Amino acid sequence: MNKCVEEDAFIPLYPKSTVEDKSSLHSKFQDRRFWSAVKLLSNILLWDGIVQEDTVRDLGLSKLLNRYLLLNLLNTPPGPENTEKCSKVVACLPERWFQDLKSGSTLPELLNFCQHLLQ
């Protein structure tokens, strides 16, 4: 799993002017890479309860979400597309990680993602 995150999770960052046109090759490629990374995130987080939780959280959240996915989300303009992307990321997260948290708190690895959601 670590090898996949390190070698296969690549989402290029293009200038906004390049990806504003959703029919452009750059935009389509960036979207395909984003959704591939979301699928990888989902697959990694499915290992929760089988593989040590610290390992799953490190790979899925610290490395994949915070290093690759969040950069793309921050560069996606607010609107339905960004909302859909964020919803798919949230859907990947195991519910049991949040059961013992106090109201209004989150996992340390999700602080930046939560700040993005609040904005």
Protein backbone atom coordinates (compact mmCIF):
# COMPACT_ATOMS: atom_id res chain seq x y z
CA MET A 1 0.00 0.00 0.00
CA ASN A 2 2.85 2.35 0.83
CA LYS A 3 4.38 1.74 -2.59
CA CYS A 4 1.07 2.60 -4.28
CA VAL A 5 0.77 5.85 -2.37
CA GLU A 6 4.39 6.81 -3.00
CA GLU A 7 4.56 5.80 -6.67
CA ASP A 8 1.03 5.76 -8.10
CA ALA A 9 -0.78 8.62 -6.39
CA PHE A 10 0.12 11.51 -8.62
CA ILE A 11 -2.22 14.42 -9.22
CA PRO A 12 -0.68 17.14 -11.36
CA LEU A 13 -1.29 20.75 -10.40
CA TYR A 14 -1.89 22.92 -13.42
CA PRO A 15 -2.54 26.66 -13.45
CA LYS A 16 -6.21 27.52 -12.98
CA SER A 17 -6.35 28.99 -16.48
CA THR A 18 -5.38 25.57 -17.86
CA VAL A 19 -8.01 23.55 -16.01
CA GLU A 20 -10.93 26.02 -16.04
CA ASP A 21 -11.99 24.55 -19.36
CA LYS A 22 -13.38 21.19 -18.24
CA SER A 23 -13.06 19.80 -21.77
CA SER A 24 -9.29 20.43 -21.89
CA LEU A 25 -6.95 17.46 -21.77
CA HIS A 26 -5.20 18.87 -18.70
CA SER A 27 -8.46 19.16 -16.79
CA LYS A 28 -9.62 15.68 -17.76
CA PHE A 29 -6.27 14.15 -16.81
CA GLN A 30 -6.21 15.95 -13.46
CA ASP A 31 -9.77 14.76 -12.71
CA ARG A 32 -8.93 11.16 -13.62
CA ARG A 33 -5.91 11.23 -11.33
CA PHE A 34 -7.97 12.75 -8.50
CA TRP A 35 -10.67 10.08 -8.73
CA SER A 36 -8.03 7.33 -8.94
CA ALA A 37 -6.51 8.68 -5.73
CA VAL A 38 -9.95 8.74 -4.06
CA LYS A 39 -10.41 5.11 -5.04
CA LEU A 40 -6.99 4.30 -3.59
CA LEU A 41 -7.95 6.15 -0.39
CA SER A 42 -11.14 4.10 -0.15
CA ASN A 43 -9.23 0.86 -0.65
CA ILE A 44 -6.61 1.76 1.95
CA LEU A 45 -9.22 2.72 4.53
CA LEU A 46 -11.04 -0.58 3.98
CA TRP A 47 -8.04 -2.20 5.68
CA ASP A 48 -8.99 -0.49 8.95
CA GLY A 49 -9.45 -3.19 11.56
CA ILE A 50 -7.21 -5.59 9.64
CA VAL A 51 -3.99 -3.58 9.43
CA GLN A 52 -2.84 -1.53 12.42
CA GLU A 53 -4.92 1.67 12.64
CA ASP A 54 -1.85 3.94 12.87
CA THR A 55 -0.56 2.53 9.58
CA VAL A 56 -3.91 2.97 7.83
CA ARG A 57 -4.29 6.53 9.11
CA ASP A 58 -0.73 7.42 8.14
CA LEU A 59 -1.07 6.07 4.60
CA GLY A 60 -4.63 7.16 3.96
CA LEU A 61 -4.83 10.48 5.74
CA SER A 62 -1.34 11.86 6.33
CA LYS A 63 0.14 10.79 3.02
CA LEU A 64 -2.68 10.42 0.50
CA LEU A 65 -5.34 12.88 1.68
CA ASN A 66 -3.10 15.63 3.00
CA ARG A 67 -0.32 15.31 0.44
CA TYR A 68 -2.30 14.82 -2.78
CA LEU A 69 -6.08 15.06 -2.52
CA LEU A 70 -6.26 18.16 -0.37
CA LEU A 71 -4.07 20.16 -2.76
CA ASN A 72 -6.49 19.37 -5.57
CA LEU A 73 -9.49 20.26 -3.41
CA LEU A 74 -7.94 23.58 -2.43
CA ASN A 75 -7.43 24.41 -6.12
CA THR A 76 -10.97 23.44 -7.11
CA PRO A 77 -13.28 26.47 -7.05
CA PRO A 78 -16.12 26.37 -4.51
CA GLY A 79 -19.25 24.86 -5.96
CA PRO A 80 -20.91 21.56 -6.81
CA GLU A 81 -17.74 19.91 -8.13
CA ASN A 82 -15.79 20.66 -4.94
CA THR A 83 -18.74 19.54 -2.80
CA GLU A 84 -18.96 16.24 -4.67
CA LYS A 85 -15.23 15.62 -4.29
CA CYS A 86 -15.33 16.37 -0.56
CA SER A 87 -18.38 14.15 -0.08
CA LYS A 88 -16.63 11.22 -1.73
CA VAL A 89 -13.60 11.68 0.50
CA VAL A 90 -15.79 11.83 3.63
CA ALA A 91 -17.65 8.68 2.53
CA CYS A 92 -14.34 6.78 2.63
CA LEU A 93 -13.67 7.54 6.29
CA PRO A 94 -14.44 4.74 8.79
CA GLU A 95 -17.23 5.86 11.14
CA ARG A 96 -15.65 4.16 14.14
CA TRP A 97 -12.78 6.67 14.07
CA PHE A 98 -15.24 9.36 15.16
CA GLN A 99 -17.26 7.52 17.78
CA ASP A 100 -15.18 8.54 20.80
CA LEU A 101 -14.43 12.10 19.71
CA LYS A 102 -15.93 15.06 21.52
CA SER A 103 -18.42 17.19 19.64
CA GLY A 104 -16.69 19.72 17.42
CA SER A 105 -13.38 17.85 17.36
CA THR A 106 -11.72 15.70 14.74
CA LEU A 107 -8.69 13.55 14.11
CA PRO A 108 -5.41 15.50 13.97
CA GLU A 109 -4.79 14.24 10.42
CA LEU A 110 -8.12 15.74 9.30
CA LEU A 111 -7.65 19.28 10.62
CA ASN A 112 -6.69 20.79 7.25
CA PHE A 113 -9.49 18.94 5.45
CA CYS A 114 -11.99 20.14 8.07
CA GLN A 115 -10.80 23.72 7.66
CA HIS A 116 -11.37 23.39 3.92
CA LEU A 117 -14.89 22.06 4.53
CA LEU A 118 -15.67 24.96 6.85
CA GLN A 119 -14.57 27.49 4.23
